[in-house]
Every structure is written in structure tokens, then in C-alpha cells.
Amino acid sequence: MTTTPNLPAPDSTTPGTGPQDPADGDVLLAGRCETSGEYLAGVIAAGMLDHVGRPDRLPELLWPDADPAVVRAVWEAGLATGYRAGKLAAHPEWTGDGLNRLRAALYEAGYRGMGRLAARSAAVHQTHPARTVPNAVGHPADSETPGDRAAVRQLGGQP
């Protein structure tokens, strides 16, 4: 049976021995979780490729019981959609208002789940800082200062 030893009470006169803020450990542990997850995702991706033998066979791995021609058609449509979404996100005219307009269209057509996703993106949508492309959109982290990133890095985060 494992027991936890009784540790002495921290000496409040010695620096660094007082109670720590859980947020400090949270940032460090969250970074470790992300790094571990990325490592495992890479191992899984490599294992999938090893299983099918060639990258062009990966879509069929997702749906082994489906008609390979249908799987390929769906896969190609998904690739085209992803490429188009990437181009749209990079356009300076892509705004929170534009995302909300598309969210409304999705809701009206009965695509509630997709509409919720568009609404979430619109809610966190921000423009680039003034020092970059005028009216361009970006990620919320774009507004962080280098000092913010250094503090996270000190705690073991992955900015």
C-alpha cells in the first residue's frame, strides 16, 4: 500500500515555500498534455500509413466497408472544401459579420450544428493588430506581446 508522507508545513519566511497558484501548474501541465497528444497523434498517423502502405489509400482506411469510388469522391470534395475554407479565412474581407451571415444561412437551411460552429468562430473572430495588414483577420493570439509568450514559455507552455 502506498502512503503519502506527512510533509512539514511550509516556512512562510523562506521565499518560494508558500502556497503556489494552481494556475502556474495548470499552464505547465496543459502544455505537457498538448505535447503528449501531438506525439501520440503522430504515432497514430504513422501507424495508419504503415497499415495501408501508401498515402493515397488513407481515405479508404476510414471507411473500409464502403465503395472505394464513393470514398474517393467524398474525400476529394472534402479536400476542395478545406482548401476553399483556407483561402476564405486568409482574405482581408473575411469578417465576424461575414461569418454571422453564413451562420444564419446554415441555421435557416437546418444545419444547426454547422451554424453553431460558425457562430463560435464569429464570437472569437478578431482583426490583426494595426501593425499588420489593414482589415485582415487573425487568431486571438496575434494580439499577444512577446512578453506574454515568454511568460508562458517559462511555465512550460507552447506558444
Protein backbone atom coordinates (compact mmCIF):
# COMPACT_ATOMS: atom_id res chain seq x y z
CA MET A 1 0.00 0.00 0.00
CA THR A 2 1.32 3.43 -0.90
CA THR A 3 1.09 6.18 1.65
CA THR A 4 1.69 9.88 1.38
CA PRO A 5 4.27 11.15 3.86
CA ASN A 6 3.33 13.95 6.19
CA LEU A 7 5.22 16.93 4.87
CA PRO A 8 6.28 19.75 7.16
CA ALA A 9 4.30 22.95 6.96
CA PRO A 10 5.85 25.50 4.59
CA ASP A 11 8.06 28.10 6.19
CA SER A 12 6.47 31.41 5.27
CA THR A 13 9.77 33.24 5.77
CA THR A 14 11.59 31.27 3.06
CA PRO A 15 10.89 32.55 -0.48
CA GLY A 16 9.23 30.02 -2.76
CA THR A 17 7.91 27.80 0.02
CA GLY A 18 4.46 29.35 0.35
CA PRO A 19 1.36 28.04 -1.37
CA GLN A 20 1.61 28.16 -5.16
CA ASP A 21 -1.03 29.45 -7.51
CA PRO A 22 -2.68 26.47 -9.26
CA ALA A 23 -2.66 28.47 -12.49
CA ASP A 24 1.14 28.15 -12.63
CA GLY A 25 0.96 24.39 -12.64
CA ASP A 26 -2.08 24.40 -14.91
CA VAL A 27 -0.20 26.13 -17.72
CA LEU A 28 2.71 23.72 -17.41
CA LEU A 29 0.54 20.61 -17.27
CA ALA A 30 -1.73 21.77 -20.09
CA GLY A 31 1.36 22.27 -22.26
CA ARG A 32 2.55 18.78 -21.43
CA CYS A 33 -0.87 17.33 -22.32
CA GLU A 34 -0.83 19.12 -25.69
CA THR A 35 2.70 17.97 -26.46
CA SER A 36 1.89 14.38 -25.48
CA GLY A 37 -1.27 14.45 -27.57
CA GLU A 38 0.63 15.74 -30.59
CA TYR A 39 3.22 12.98 -30.15
CA LEU A 40 0.51 10.31 -29.95
CA ALA A 41 -1.26 11.77 -33.00
CA GLY A 42 1.98 11.45 -34.97
CA VAL A 43 2.43 7.84 -33.91
CA ILE A 44 -1.16 7.05 -34.89
CA ALA A 45 -0.73 8.79 -38.27
CA ALA A 46 2.45 6.80 -38.94
CA GLY A 47 0.70 3.58 -37.90
CA MET A 48 -2.20 4.27 -40.25
CA LEU A 49 0.16 4.82 -43.17
CA ASP A 50 2.12 1.70 -42.26
CA HIS A 51 -1.16 -0.27 -42.25
CA VAL A 52 -2.35 0.84 -45.71
CA GLY A 53 1.08 1.06 -47.34
CA ARG A 54 0.57 4.23 -49.43
CA PRO A 55 -0.73 7.72 -48.59
CA ASP A 56 -3.31 7.62 -51.40
CA ARG A 57 -5.03 4.68 -49.66
CA LEU A 58 -5.64 6.54 -46.38
CA PRO A 59 -9.22 7.67 -47.18
CA GLU A 60 -10.32 4.08 -47.72
CA LEU A 61 -8.96 3.22 -44.26
CA LEU A 62 -11.65 5.43 -42.72
CA TRP A 63 -14.48 3.55 -44.42
CA PRO A 64 -13.22 0.04 -45.28
CA ASP A 65 -16.72 -1.34 -45.95
CA ALA A 66 -17.80 1.46 -48.31
CA ASP A 67 -17.43 1.55 -52.08
CA PRO A 68 -13.87 2.84 -52.74
CA ALA A 69 -15.12 5.06 -55.59
CA VAL A 70 -17.63 6.77 -53.27
CA VAL A 71 -14.99 7.17 -50.55
CA ARG A 72 -12.63 8.77 -53.07
CA ALA A 73 -15.32 11.18 -54.31
CA VAL A 74 -16.20 12.26 -50.77
CA TRP A 75 -12.52 12.64 -49.90
CA GLU A 76 -11.81 14.80 -52.94
CA ALA A 77 -14.81 17.03 -52.15
CA GLY A 78 -13.55 17.40 -48.58
CA LEU A 79 -10.08 18.40 -49.77
CA ALA A 80 -11.55 21.03 -52.10
CA THR A 81 -13.76 22.36 -49.27
CA GLY A 82 -10.81 22.60 -46.88
CA TYR A 83 -8.71 24.41 -49.48
CA ARG A 84 -11.52 26.89 -50.15
CA ALA A 85 -12.06 27.49 -46.42
CA GLY A 86 -8.35 28.23 -46.01
CA LYS A 87 -8.45 30.78 -48.83
CA LEU A 88 -11.57 32.44 -47.41
CA ALA A 89 -10.03 32.71 -43.93
CA ALA A 90 -6.98 34.46 -45.40
CA HIS A 91 -8.99 37.17 -47.18
CA PRO A 92 -8.99 40.59 -45.51
CA GLU A 93 -12.73 40.96 -46.17
CA TRP A 94 -13.49 37.86 -44.10
CA THR A 95 -15.11 39.39 -41.02
CA GLY A 96 -17.11 38.40 -37.99
CA ASP A 97 -20.14 39.86 -39.79
CA GLY A 98 -19.48 37.61 -42.77
CA LEU A 99 -19.26 34.58 -40.50
CA ASN A 100 -22.56 35.58 -38.86
CA ARG A 101 -24.22 35.95 -42.27
CA LEU A 102 -23.14 32.41 -43.19
CA ARG A 103 -24.17 31.14 -39.73
CA ALA A 104 -27.68 32.50 -40.34
CA ALA A 105 -27.82 30.82 -43.75
CA LEU A 106 -26.78 27.50 -42.20
CA TYR A 107 -29.44 27.82 -39.45
CA GLU A 108 -32.15 28.66 -42.00
CA ALA A 109 -31.20 25.60 -44.06
CA GLY A 110 -31.47 23.36 -40.99
CA TYR A 111 -27.75 22.88 -40.42
CA ARG A 112 -27.82 23.76 -36.71
CA GLY A 113 -24.54 22.07 -35.75
CA MET A 114 -22.61 23.77 -38.52
CA GLY A 115 -24.31 27.05 -37.64
CA ARG A 116 -23.16 26.74 -34.02
CA LEU A 117 -19.59 26.22 -35.23
CA ALA A 118 -19.76 29.31 -37.44
CA ALA A 119 -21.24 31.29 -34.53
CA ARG A 120 -18.37 30.25 -32.28
CA SER A 121 -15.82 31.31 -34.89
CA ALA A 122 -17.57 34.66 -35.27
CA ALA A 123 -17.55 35.15 -31.49
CA VAL A 124 -13.77 34.72 -31.21
CA HIS A 125 -13.00 36.43 -34.52
CA GLN A 126 -10.58 39.35 -34.24
CA THR A 127 -8.74 41.55 -36.69
CA HIS A 128 -4.98 41.65 -36.99
CA PRO A 129 -3.16 44.26 -34.87
CA ALA A 130 -2.74 47.67 -36.52
CA ARG A 131 0.89 46.91 -37.39
CA THR A 132 -0.12 44.25 -39.92
CA VAL A 133 -2.39 44.04 -42.94
CA PRO A 134 -5.26 46.57 -42.67
CA ASN A 135 -8.67 44.95 -42.07
CA ALA A 136 -7.16 41.46 -42.18
CA VAL A 137 -8.40 38.82 -39.78
CA GLY A 138 -6.36 36.67 -37.49
CA HIS A 139 -6.17 34.48 -34.45
CA PRO A 140 -6.75 35.91 -30.94
CA ALA A 141 -3.12 35.10 -30.08
CA ASP A 142 -1.99 37.58 -32.76
CA SER A 143 -2.51 40.39 -30.25
CA GLU A 144 -0.19 38.86 -27.62
CA THR A 145 3.01 40.68 -26.86
CA PRO A 146 6.37 38.86 -26.87
CA GLY A 147 6.40 39.28 -23.07
CA ASP A 148 3.19 37.24 -22.80
CA ARG A 149 4.72 34.42 -24.80
CA ALA A 150 7.93 34.45 -22.78
CA ALA A 151 5.97 34.11 -19.52
CA VAL A 152 4.05 31.14 -20.89
CA ARG A 153 7.26 29.55 -22.15
CA GLN A 154 8.84 29.91 -18.69
CA LEU A 155 5.97 27.91 -17.24
CA GLY A 156 6.40 25.17 -19.82
CA GLY A 157 3.67 26.27 -22.26
CA GLN A 158 3.86 26.03 -26.03
CA PRO A 159 3.17 29.50 -27.52
